[in-house]
Amino acid sequence: MVFSAEFMRLFPGAKGPRFMGKSVEITLPDFGGGTAETLEAIVSWWPVEVGDGLNTGDDLLEIATDKANFVVPCPCAGVLMEKRVNEEDRVRVGDVVAVLKTQES
């Protein structure tokens, strides 16, 4: 699977998604360069539902930090299989927020 430069910036190295066969665990990226204010966020909105198909770059979820709101882009094409967090849940950078099933083997 090939990832875009933007994806690699948001999900560097082994801290990014972990592959489990055809499933991908999506982790919360660090949008703020590792500052204390952006290491933790609240899930404010899920614009997609389990079973929805997504393309690379589609809006996956919206989070709110002390400084700003961010939309987390979908890192790869697939189907949303599981939401690991709910709206209003507090999440930290690196937490698994969703599981996608990709179409690639």
PDB file of N, CA and C in Angstrom:
ATOM      1  N   MET A   1       0.847  -1.166   0.000  1.00  0.00           N
ATOM      2  CA  MET A   1       0.000   0.000   0.000  1.00  0.00           C
ATOM      3  C   MET A   1       0.892   1.227   0.000  1.00  0.00           C
ATOM      4  N   VAL A   2       0.604   2.199  -0.842  1.00  0.00           N
ATOM      5  CA  VAL A   2       1.387   3.422  -0.955  1.00  0.00           C
ATOM      6  C   VAL A   2       0.605   4.549  -0.301  1.00  0.00           C
ATOM      7  N   PHE A   3       1.293   5.351   0.532  1.00  0.00           N
ATOM      8  CA  PHE A   3       0.648   6.447   1.231  1.00  0.00           C
ATOM      9  C   PHE A   3       1.153   7.777   0.703  1.00  0.00           C
ATOM     10  N   SER A   4       0.318   8.786   0.770  1.00  0.00           N
ATOM     11  CA  SER A   4       0.680  10.127   0.326  1.00  0.00           C
ATOM     12  C   SER A   4       1.658  10.773   1.297  1.00  0.00           C
ATOM     13  N   ALA A   5       2.310  11.827   0.848  1.00  0.00           N
ATOM     14  CA  ALA A   5       3.235  12.571   1.704  1.00  0.00           C
ATOM     15  C   ALA A   5       2.493  13.151   2.911  1.00  0.00           C
ATOM     16  N   GLU A   6       1.263  13.630   2.687  1.00  0.00           N
ATOM     17  CA  GLU A   6       0.471  14.181   3.800  1.00  0.00           C
ATOM     18  C   GLU A   6       0.176  13.107   4.836  1.00  0.00           C
ATOM     19  N   PHE A   7      -0.167  11.903   4.382  1.00  0.00           N
ATOM     20  CA  PHE A   7      -0.418  10.801   5.311  1.00  0.00           C
ATOM     21  C   PHE A   7       0.835  10.496   6.121  1.00  0.00           C
ATOM     22  N   MET A   8       1.970  10.426   5.465  1.00  0.00           N
ATOM     23  CA  MET A   8       3.219  10.107   6.172  1.00  0.00           C
ATOM     24  C   MET A   8       3.581  11.212   7.162  1.00  0.00           C
ATOM     25  N   ARG A   9       3.214  12.470   6.842  1.00  0.00           N
ATOM     26  CA  ARG A   9       3.469  13.558   7.789  1.00  0.00           C
ATOM     27  C   ARG A   9       2.594  13.397   9.029  1.00  0.00           C
ATOM     28  N   LEU A  10       1.337  13.016   8.827  1.00  0.00           N
ATOM     29  CA  LEU A  10       0.417  12.879   9.950  1.00  0.00           C
ATOM     30  C   LEU A  10       0.626  11.586  10.739  1.00  0.00           C
ATOM     31  N   PHE A  11       1.100  10.541  10.062  1.00  0.00           N
ATOM     32  CA  PHE A  11       1.270   9.238  10.696  1.00  0.00           C
ATOM     33  C   PHE A  11       2.705   8.755  10.494  1.00  0.00           C
ATOM     34  N   PRO A  12       3.685   9.378  11.156  1.00  0.00           N
ATOM     35  CA  PRO A  12       5.082   9.018  10.904  1.00  0.00           C
ATOM     36  C   PRO A  12       5.466   7.653  11.476  1.00  0.00           C
ATOM     37  N   GLY A  13       6.278   6.946  10.731  1.00  0.00           N
ATOM     38  CA  GLY A  13       6.884   5.707  11.206  1.00  0.00           C
ATOM     39  C   GLY A  13       5.907   4.690  11.744  1.00  0.00           C
ATOM     40  N   ALA A  14       6.357   3.948  12.731  1.00  0.00           N
ATOM     41  CA  ALA A  14       5.565   2.871  13.322  1.00  0.00           C
ATOM     42  C   ALA A  14       4.418   3.383  14.172  1.00  0.00           C
ATOM     43  N   LYS A  15       4.334   4.663  14.405  1.00  0.00           N
ATOM     44  CA  LYS A  15       3.249   5.219  15.198  1.00  0.00           C
ATOM     45  C   LYS A  15       1.967   5.347  14.393  1.00  0.00           C
ATOM     46  N   GLY A  16       2.034   5.127  13.081  1.00  0.00           N
ATOM     47  CA  GLY A  16       0.868   5.249  12.221  1.00  0.00           C
ATOM     48  C   GLY A  16      -0.013   4.018  12.302  1.00  0.00           C
ATOM     49  N   PRO A  17      -0.810   3.766  11.272  1.00  0.00           N
ATOM     50  CA  PRO A  17      -1.718   2.634  11.320  1.00  0.00           C
ATOM     51  C   PRO A  17      -0.957   1.315  11.341  1.00  0.00           C
ATOM     52  N   ARG A  18      -1.512   0.379  12.052  1.00  0.00           N
ATOM     53  CA  ARG A  18      -0.934  -0.959  12.120  1.00  0.00           C
ATOM     54  C   ARG A  18      -1.810  -1.877  11.276  1.00  0.00           C
ATOM     55  N   PHE A  19      -1.193  -2.646  10.402  1.00  0.00           N
ATOM     56  CA  PHE A  19      -1.947  -3.491   9.497  1.00  0.00           C
ATOM     57  C   PHE A  19      -2.211  -4.842  10.133  1.00  0.00           C
ATOM     58  N   MET A  20      -3.436  -5.303   9.983  1.00  0.00           N
ATOM     59  CA  MET A  20      -3.858  -6.593  10.498  1.00  0.00           C
ATOM     60  C   MET A  20      -4.518  -7.331   9.336  1.00  0.00           C
ATOM     61  N   GLY A  21      -3.718  -7.888   8.447  1.00  0.00           N
ATOM     62  CA  GLY A  21      -4.300  -8.502   7.263  1.00  0.00           C
ATOM     63  C   GLY A  21      -4.899  -7.427   6.387  1.00  0.00           C
ATOM     64  N   LYS A  22      -6.223  -7.487   6.178  1.00  0.00           N
ATOM     65  CA  LYS A  22      -6.900  -6.486   5.355  1.00  0.00           C
ATOM     66  C   LYS A  22      -7.552  -5.392   6.194  1.00  0.00           C
ATOM     67  N   SER A  23      -7.320  -5.378   7.505  1.00  0.00           N
ATOM     68  CA  SER A  23      -7.862  -4.333   8.364  1.00  0.00           C
ATOM     69  C   SER A  23      -6.753  -3.379   8.766  1.00  0.00           C
ATOM     70  N   VAL A  24      -7.110  -2.106   8.896  1.00  0.00           N
ATOM     71  CA  VAL A  24      -6.154  -1.070   9.275  1.00  0.00           C
ATOM     72  C   VAL A  24      -6.687  -0.353  10.510  1.00  0.00           C
ATOM     73  N   GLU A  25      -5.880  -0.312  11.571  1.00  0.00           N
ATOM     74  CA  GLU A  25      -6.239   0.473  12.744  1.00  0.00           C
ATOM     75  C   GLU A  25      -5.774   1.908  12.508  1.00  0.00           C
ATOM     76  N   ILE A  26      -6.680   2.862  12.627  1.00  0.00           N
ATOM     77  CA  ILE A  26      -6.355   4.264  12.411  1.00  0.00           C
ATOM     78  C   ILE A  26      -6.113   4.917  13.765  1.00  0.00           C
ATOM     79  N   THR A  27      -4.936   5.530  13.917  1.00  0.00           N
ATOM     80  CA  THR A  27      -4.588   6.186  15.177  1.00  0.00           C
ATOM     81  C   THR A  27      -4.748   7.697  15.045  1.00  0.00           C
ATOM     82  N   LEU A  28      -4.967   8.349  16.184  1.00  0.00           N
ATOM     83  CA  LEU A  28      -5.101   9.804  16.192  1.00  0.00           C
ATOM     84  C   LEU A  28      -3.739  10.435  15.953  1.00  0.00           C
ATOM     85  N   PRO A  29      -3.618  11.242  14.888  1.00  0.00           N
ATOM     86  CA  PRO A  29      -2.341  11.891  14.598  1.00  0.00           C
ATOM     87  C   PRO A  29      -2.118  13.103  15.500  1.00  0.00           C
ATOM     88  N   ASP A  30      -0.882  13.576  15.547  1.00  0.00           N
ATOM     89  CA  ASP A  30      -0.527  14.786  16.286  1.00  0.00           C
ATOM     90  C   ASP A  30      -0.608  15.967  15.330  1.00  0.00           C
ATOM     91  N   PHE A  31      -1.627  16.793  15.485  1.00  0.00           N
ATOM     92  CA  PHE A  31      -1.813  17.946  14.614  1.00  0.00           C
ATOM     93  C   PHE A  31      -1.035  19.165  15.081  1.00  0.00           C
ATOM     94  N   GLY A  32      -0.508  19.119  16.302  1.00  0.00           N
ATOM     95  CA  GLY A  32       0.071  20.340  16.839  1.00  0.00           C
ATOM     96  C   GLY A  32       1.541  20.280  17.150  1.00  0.00           C
ATOM     97  N   GLY A  33       2.265  19.341  16.589  1.00  0.00           N
ATOM     98  CA  GLY A  33       3.697  19.288  16.815  1.00  0.00           C
ATOM     99  C   GLY A  33       4.092  18.818  18.198  1.00  0.00           C
ATOM    100  N   GLY A  34       3.213  18.104  18.888  1.00  0.00           N
ATOM    101  CA  GLY A  34       3.567  17.513  20.166  1.00  0.00           C
ATOM    102  C   GLY A  34       3.453  18.436  21.361  1.00  0.00           C
ATOM    103  N   THR A  35       2.749  19.570  21.219  1.00  0.00           N
ATOM    104  CA  THR A  35       2.589  20.451  22.367  1.00  0.00           C
ATOM    105  C   THR A  35       1.560  19.866  23.324  1.00  0.00           C
ATOM    106  N   ALA A  36       1.659  20.241  24.576  1.00  0.00           N
ATOM    107  CA  ALA A  36       0.769  19.692  25.595  1.00  0.00           C
ATOM    108  C   ALA A  36      -0.699  19.931  25.265  1.00  0.00           C
ATOM    109  N   GLU A  37      -1.003  21.080  24.625  1.00  0.00           N
ATOM    110  CA  GLU A  37      -2.391  21.416  24.312  1.00  0.00           C
ATOM    111  C   GLU A  37      -2.979  20.540  23.214  1.00  0.00           C
ATOM    112  N   THR A  38      -2.150  19.897  22.404  1.00  0.00           N
ATOM    113  CA  THR A  38      -2.673  19.116  21.281  1.00  0.00           C
ATOM    114  C   THR A  38      -2.459  17.616  21.431  1.00  0.00           C
ATOM    115  N   LEU A  39      -1.891  17.168  22.541  1.00  0.00           N
ATOM    116  CA  LEU A  39      -1.706  15.733  22.737  1.00  0.00           C
ATOM    117  C   LEU A  39      -3.006  15.044  23.117  1.00  0.00           C
ATOM    118  N   GLU A  40      -3.987  15.824  23.548  1.00  0.00           N
ATOM    119  CA  GLU A  40      -5.272  15.275  23.951  1.00  0.00           C
ATOM    120  C   GLU A  40      -6.373  16.069  23.259  1.00  0.00           C
ATOM    121  N   ALA A  41      -7.444  15.383  22.881  1.00  0.00           N
ATOM    122  CA  ALA A  41      -8.539  16.049  22.171  1.00  0.00           C
ATOM    123  C   ALA A  41      -9.852  15.373  22.543  1.00  0.00           C
ATOM    124  N   ILE A  42     -10.942  16.001  22.149  1.00  0.00           N
ATOM    125  CA  ILE A  42     -12.276  15.436  22.335  1.00  0.00           C
ATOM    126  C   ILE A  42     -12.864  15.180  20.951  1.00  0.00           C
ATOM    127  N   VAL A  43     -13.436  13.998  20.774  1.00  0.00           N
ATOM    128  CA  VAL A  43     -14.096  13.675  19.503  1.00  0.00           C
ATOM    129  C   VAL A  43     -15.370  14.493  19.447  1.00  0.00           C
ATOM    130  N   SER A  44     -15.475  15.382  18.452  1.00  0.00           N
ATOM    131  CA  SER A  44     -16.646  16.238  18.382  1.00  0.00           C
ATOM    132  C   SER A  44     -17.692  15.746  17.380  1.00  0.00           C
ATOM    133  N   TRP A  45     -17.260  14.980  16.351  1.00  0.00           N
ATOM    134  CA  TRP A  45     -18.239  14.578  15.333  1.00  0.00           C
ATOM    135  C   TRP A  45     -17.692  13.466  14.463  1.00  0.00           C
ATOM    136  N   TRP A  46     -18.537  12.501  14.172  1.00  0.00           N
ATOM    137  CA  TRP A  46     -18.255  11.443  13.192  1.00  0.00           C
ATOM    138  C   TRP A  46     -19.144  11.702  11.980  1.00  0.00           C
ATOM    139  N   PRO A  47     -18.615  12.156  10.854  1.00  0.00           N
ATOM    140  CA  PRO A  47     -19.453  12.372   9.672  1.00  0.00           C
ATOM    141  C   PRO A  47     -19.760  11.085   8.902  1.00  0.00           C
ATOM    142  N   VAL A  48     -19.188   9.972   9.345  1.00  0.00           N
ATOM    143  CA  VAL A  48     -19.394   8.685   8.673  1.00  0.00           C
ATOM    144  C   VAL A  48     -19.923   7.667   9.669  1.00  0.00           C
ATOM    145  N   GLU A  49     -20.545   6.636   9.130  1.00  0.00           N
ATOM    146  CA  GLU A  49     -21.096   5.557   9.954  1.00  0.00           C
ATOM    147  C   GLU A  49     -20.410   4.246   9.606  1.00  0.00           C
ATOM    148  N   VAL A  50     -20.448   3.298  10.526  1.00  0.00           N
ATOM    149  CA  VAL A  50     -19.912   1.966  10.268  1.00  0.00           C
ATOM    150  C   VAL A  50     -20.589   1.415   9.018  1.00  0.00           C
ATOM    151  N   GLY A  51     -19.777   0.874   8.114  1.00  0.00           N
ATOM    152  CA  GLY A  51     -20.276   0.344   6.854  1.00  0.00           C
ATOM    153  C   GLY A  51     -20.110   1.301   5.685  1.00  0.00           C
ATOM    154  N   ASP A  52     -19.813   2.569   5.974  1.00  0.00           N
ATOM    155  CA  ASP A  52     -19.609   3.548   4.902  1.00  0.00           C
ATOM    156  C   ASP A  52     -18.283   3.305   4.195  1.00  0.00           C
ATOM    157  N   GLY A  53     -18.282   3.487   2.880  1.00  0.00           N
ATOM    158  CA  GLY A  53     -17.057   3.437   2.099  1.00  0.00           C
ATOM    159  C   GLY A  53     -16.363   4.792   2.134  1.00  0.00           C
ATOM    160  N   LEU A  54     -15.039   4.773   2.210  1.00  0.00           N
ATOM    161  CA  LEU A  54     -14.255   6.001   2.283  1.00  0.00           C
ATOM    162  C   LEU A  54     -13.121   5.961   1.271  1.00  0.00           C
ATOM    163  N   ASN A  55     -12.765   7.122   0.755  1.00  0.00           N
ATOM    164  CA  ASN A  55     -11.599   7.268  -0.100  1.00  0.00           C
ATOM    165  C   ASN A  55     -10.491   7.945   0.692  1.00  0.00           C
ATOM    166  N   THR A  56      -9.270   7.816   0.230  1.00  0.00           N
ATOM    167  CA  THR A  56      -8.147   8.483   0.866  1.00  0.00           C
ATOM    168  C   THR A  56      -8.424   9.978   0.919  1.00  0.00           C
ATOM    169  N   GLY A  57      -8.283  10.567   2.102  1.00  0.00           N
ATOM    170  CA  GLY A  57      -8.491  11.999   2.281  1.00  0.00           C
ATOM    171  C   GLY A  57      -9.888  12.401   2.697  1.00  0.00           C
ATOM    172  N   ASP A  58     -10.861  11.481   2.621  1.00  0.00           N
ATOM    173  CA  ASP A  58     -12.213  11.805   3.086  1.00  0.00           C
ATOM    174  C   ASP A  58     -12.189  12.130   4.574  1.00  0.00           C
ATOM    175  N   ASP A  59     -13.144  12.953   5.026  1.00  0.00           N
ATOM    176  CA  ASP A  59     -13.246  13.271   6.447  1.00  0.00           C
ATOM    177  C   ASP A  59     -13.645  12.015   7.218  1.00  0.00           C
ATOM    178  N   LEU A  60     -12.827  11.645   8.207  1.00  0.00           N
ATOM    179  CA  LEU A  60     -13.111  10.467   9.028  1.00  0.00           C
ATOM    180  C   LEU A  60     -13.802  10.874  10.323  1.00  0.00           C
ATOM    181  N   LEU A  61     -13.222  11.835  11.044  1.00  0.00           N
ATOM    182  CA  LEU A  61     -13.842  12.362  12.247  1.00  0.00           C
ATOM    183  C   LEU A  61     -13.296  13.744  12.526  1.00  0.00           C
ATOM    184  N   GLU A  62     -14.004  14.472  13.385  1.00  0.00           N
ATOM    185  CA  GLU A  62     -13.555  15.802  13.787  1.00  0.00           C
ATOM    186  C   GLU A  62     -13.208  15.753  15.268  1.00  0.00           C
ATOM    187  N   ILE A  63     -12.072  16.381  15.614  1.00  0.00           N
ATOM    188  CA  ILE A  63     -11.650  16.454  17.009  1.00  0.00           C
ATOM    189  C   ILE A  63     -11.497  17.922  17.403  1.00  0.00           C
ATOM    190  N   ALA A  64     -11.608  18.178  18.702  1.00  0.00           N
ATOM    191  CA  ALA A  64     -11.426  19.525  19.233  1.00  0.00           C
ATOM    192  C   ALA A  64     -10.339  19.484  20.299  1.00  0.00           C
ATOM    193  N   THR A  65      -9.369  20.390  20.158  1.00  0.00           N
ATOM    194  CA  THR A  65      -8.333  20.550  21.177  1.00  0.00           C
ATOM    195  C   THR A  65      -8.589  21.881  21.888  1.00  0.00           C
ATOM    196  N   ASP A  66      -7.730  22.206  22.842  1.00  0.00           N
ATOM    197  CA  ASP A  66      -7.854  23.494  23.523  1.00  0.00           C
ATOM    198  C   ASP A  66      -7.657  24.664  22.575  1.00  0.00           C
ATOM    199  N   LYS A  67      -6.938  24.433  21.479  1.00  0.00           N
ATOM    200  CA  LYS A  67      -6.595  25.526  20.569  1.00  0.00           C
ATOM    201  C   LYS A  67      -7.442  25.584  19.303  1.00  0.00           C
ATOM    202  N   ALA A  68      -7.876  24.446  18.786  1.00  0.00           N
ATOM    203  CA  ALA A  68      -8.580  24.458  17.498  1.00  0.00           C
ATOM    204  C   ALA A  68      -9.314  23.136  17.275  1.00  0.00           C
ATOM    205  N   ASN A  69     -10.163  23.139  16.242  1.00  0.00           N
ATOM    206  CA  ASN A  69     -10.815  21.916  15.779  1.00  0.00           C
ATOM    207  C   ASN A  69     -10.067  21.424  14.547  1.00  0.00           C
ATOM    208  N   PHE A  70      -9.993  20.099  14.396  1.00  0.00           N
ATOM    209  CA  PHE A  70      -9.313  19.493  13.265  1.00  0.00           C
ATOM    210  C   PHE A  70     -10.174  18.381  12.702  1.00  0.00           C
ATOM    211  N   VAL A  71     -10.101  18.213  11.379  1.00  0.00           N
ATOM    212  CA  VAL A  71     -10.719  17.064  10.724  1.00  0.00           C
ATOM    213  C   VAL A  71      -9.623  16.045  10.485  1.00  0.00           C
ATOM    214  N   VAL A  72      -9.846  14.817  10.927  1.00  0.00           N
ATOM    215  CA  VAL A  72      -8.888  13.739  10.705  1.00  0.00           C
ATOM    216  C   VAL A  72      -9.224  13.099   9.362  1.00  0.00           C
ATOM    217  N   PRO A  73      -8.291  13.147   8.403  1.00  0.00           N
ATOM    218  CA  PRO A  73      -8.563  12.557   7.088  1.00  0.00           C
ATOM    219  C   PRO A  73      -8.397  11.042   7.110  1.00  0.00           C
ATOM    220  N   CYS A  74      -9.142  10.385   6.267  1.00  0.00           N
ATOM    221  CA  CYS A  74      -9.006   8.939   6.118  1.00  0.00           C
ATOM    222  C   CYS A  74      -7.680   8.657   5.397  1.00  0.00           C
ATOM    223  N   PRO A  75      -6.809   7.830   5.976  1.00  0.00           N
ATOM    224  CA  PRO A  75      -5.490   7.609   5.382  1.00  0.00           C
ATOM    225  C   PRO A  75      -5.475   6.681   4.178  1.00  0.00           C
ATOM    226  N   CYS A  76      -6.532   5.903   3.986  1.00  0.00           N
ATOM    227  CA  CYS A  76      -6.559   4.968   2.857  1.00  0.00           C
ATOM    228  C   CYS A  76      -8.009   4.653   2.514  1.00  0.00           C
ATOM    229  N   ALA A  77      -8.214   4.139   1.318  1.00  0.00           N
ATOM    230  CA  ALA A  77      -9.556   3.760   0.888  1.00  0.00           C
ATOM    231  C   ALA A  77      -9.981   2.476   1.581  1.00  0.00           C
ATOM    232  N   GLY A  78     -11.248   2.399   1.933  1.00  0.00           N
ATOM    233  CA  GLY A  78     -11.760   1.202   2.568  1.00  0.00           C
ATOM    234  C   GLY A  78     -13.157   1.428   3.114  1.00  0.00           C
ATOM    235  N   VAL A  79     -13.588   0.480   3.931  1.00  0.00           N
ATOM    236  CA  VAL A  79     -14.907   0.530   4.558  1.00  0.00           C
ATOM    237  C   VAL A  79     -14.710   0.649   6.059  1.00  0.00           C
ATOM    238  N   LEU A  80     -15.436   1.596   6.684  1.00  0.00           N
ATOM    239  CA  LEU A  80     -15.348   1.756   8.131  1.00  0.00           C
ATOM    240  C   LEU A  80     -15.995   0.554   8.803  1.00  0.00           C
ATOM    241  N   MET A  81     -15.193  -0.215   9.515  1.00  0.00           N
ATOM    242  CA  MET A  81     -15.681  -1.435  10.162  1.00  0.00           C
ATOM    243  C   MET A  81     -16.028  -1.214  11.635  1.00  0.00           C
ATOM    244  N   GLU A  82     -15.324  -0.258  12.270  1.00  0.00           N
ATOM    245  CA  GLU A  82     -15.519  -0.076  13.705  1.00  0.00           C
ATOM    246  C   GLU A  82     -15.090   1.330  14.117  1.00  0.00           C
ATOM    247  N   LYS A  83     -15.889   1.934  14.982  1.00  0.00           N
ATOM    248  CA  LYS A  83     -15.506   3.175  15.657  1.00  0.00           C
ATOM    249  C   LYS A  83     -15.045   2.765  17.053  1.00  0.00           C
ATOM    250  N   ARG A  84     -13.811   3.068  17.392  1.00  0.00           N
ATOM    251  CA  ARG A  84     -13.287   2.694  18.704  1.00  0.00           C
ATOM    252  C   ARG A  84     -13.547   3.757  19.764  1.00  0.00           C
ATOM    253  N   VAL A  85     -13.989   4.942  19.330  1.00  0.00           N
ATOM    254  CA  VAL A  85     -14.310   6.020  20.262  1.00  0.00           C
ATOM    255  C   VAL A  85     -15.641   6.638  19.851  1.00  0.00           C
ATOM    256  N   ASN A  86     -16.308   7.253  20.794  1.00  0.00           N
ATOM    257  CA  ASN A  86     -17.600   7.883  20.556  1.00  0.00           C
ATOM    258  C   ASN A  86     -17.464   9.400  20.591  1.00  0.00           C
ATOM    259  N   GLU A  87     -18.480  10.096  20.098  1.00  0.00           N
ATOM    260  CA  GLU A  87     -18.494  11.543  20.220  1.00  0.00           C
ATOM    261  C   GLU A  87     -18.452  11.902  21.701  1.00  0.00           C
ATOM    262  N   GLU A  88     -17.696  12.953  22.018  1.00  0.00           N
ATOM    263  CA  GLU A  88     -17.471  13.461  23.371  1.00  0.00           C
ATOM    264  C   GLU A  88     -16.430  12.658  24.159  1.00  0.00           C
ATOM    265  N   ASP A  89     -15.890  11.577  23.583  1.00  0.00           N
ATOM    266  CA  ASP A  89     -14.804  10.836  24.249  1.00  0.00           C
ATOM    267  C   ASP A  89     -13.523  11.654  24.180  1.00  0.00           C
ATOM    268  N   ARG A  90     -12.707  11.550  25.218  1.00  0.00           N
ATOM    269  CA  ARG A  90     -11.389  12.179  25.250  1.00  0.00           C
ATOM    270  C   ARG A  90     -10.390  11.164  24.688  1.00  0.00           C
ATOM    271  N   VAL A  91      -9.570  11.600  23.732  1.00  0.00           N
ATOM    272  CA  VAL A  91      -8.585  10.723  23.098  1.00  0.00           C
ATOM    273  C   VAL A  91      -7.210  11.387  23.135  1.00  0.00           C
ATOM    274  N   ARG A  92      -6.183  10.555  23.034  1.00  0.00           N
ATOM    275  CA  ARG A  92      -4.804  11.037  23.031  1.00  0.00           C
ATOM    276  C   ARG A  92      -4.135  10.657  21.715  1.00  0.00           C
ATOM    277  N   VAL A  93      -3.121  11.413  21.360  1.00  0.00           N
ATOM    278  CA  VAL A  93      -2.337  11.102  20.165  1.00  0.00           C
ATOM    279  C   VAL A  93      -1.864   9.652  20.252  1.00  0.00           C
ATOM    280  N   GLY A  94      -2.060   8.909  19.168  1.00  0.00           N
ATOM    281  CA  GLY A  94      -1.652   7.508  19.123  1.00  0.00           C
ATOM    282  C   GLY A  94      -2.754   6.521  19.471  1.00  0.00           C
ATOM    283  N   ASP A  95      -3.865   7.000  20.064  1.00  0.00           N
ATOM    284  CA  ASP A  95      -4.991   6.110  20.361  1.00  0.00           C
ATOM    285  C   ASP A  95      -5.623   5.630  19.057  1.00  0.00           C
ATOM    286  N   VAL A  96      -6.046   4.363  19.042  1.00  0.00           N
ATOM    287  CA  VAL A  96      -6.772   3.836  17.888  1.00  0.00           C
ATOM    288  C   VAL A  96      -8.190   4.382  17.943  1.00  0.00           C
ATOM    289  N   VAL A  97      -8.614   5.056  16.875  1.00  0.00           N
ATOM    290  CA  VAL A  97      -9.948   5.660  16.836  1.00  0.00           C
ATOM    291  C   VAL A  97     -10.918   4.897  15.938  1.00  0.00           C
ATOM    292  N   ALA A  98     -10.387   4.144  14.970  1.00  0.00           N
ATOM    293  CA  ALA A  98     -11.259   3.450  14.023  1.00  0.00           C
ATOM    294  C   ALA A  98     -10.521   2.284  13.382  1.00  0.00           C
ATOM    295  N   VAL A  99     -11.301   1.379  12.806  1.00  0.00           N
ATOM    296  CA  VAL A  99     -10.747   0.259  12.038  1.00  0.00           C
ATOM    297  C   VAL A  99     -11.400   0.283  10.663  1.00  0.00           C
ATOM    298  N   LEU A 100     -10.544   0.272   9.625  1.00  0.00           N
ATOM    299  CA  LEU A 100     -11.010   0.218   8.246  1.00  0.00           C
ATOM    300  C   LEU A 100     -10.667  -1.136   7.651  1.00  0.00           C
ATOM    301  N   LYS A 101     -11.486  -1.602   6.758  1.00  0.00           N
ATOM    302  CA  LYS A 101     -11.168  -2.789   5.966  1.00  0.00           C
ATOM    303  C   LYS A 101     -10.811  -2.291   4.570  1.00  0.00           C
ATOM    304  N   THR A 102      -9.578  -2.557   4.161  1.00  0.00           N
ATOM    305  CA  THR A 102      -9.133  -2.103   2.848  1.00  0.00           C
ATOM    306  C   THR A 102      -9.505  -3.110   1.790  1.00  0.00           C
ATOM    307  N   GLN A 103      -9.397  -2.670   0.549  1.00  0.00           N
ATOM    308  CA  GLN A 103      -9.702  -3.568  -0.559  1.00  0.00           C
ATOM    309  C   GLN A 103      -8.444  -4.214  -1.095  1.00  0.00           C
ATOM    310  N   GLU A 104      -7.297  -3.824  -0.552  1.00  0.00           N
ATOM    311  CA  GLU A 104      -6.030  -4.390  -0.994  1.00  0.00           C
ATOM    312  C   GLU A 104      -5.676  -5.611  -0.172  1.00  0.00           C
ATOM    313  N   SER A 105      -4.976  -6.536  -0.780  1.00  0.00           N
ATOM    314  CA  SER A 105      -4.579  -7.750  -0.061  1.00  0.00           C
ATOM    315  C   SER A 105      -3.227  -7.584   0.577  1.00  0.00           C
TER     316      SER A 105
END
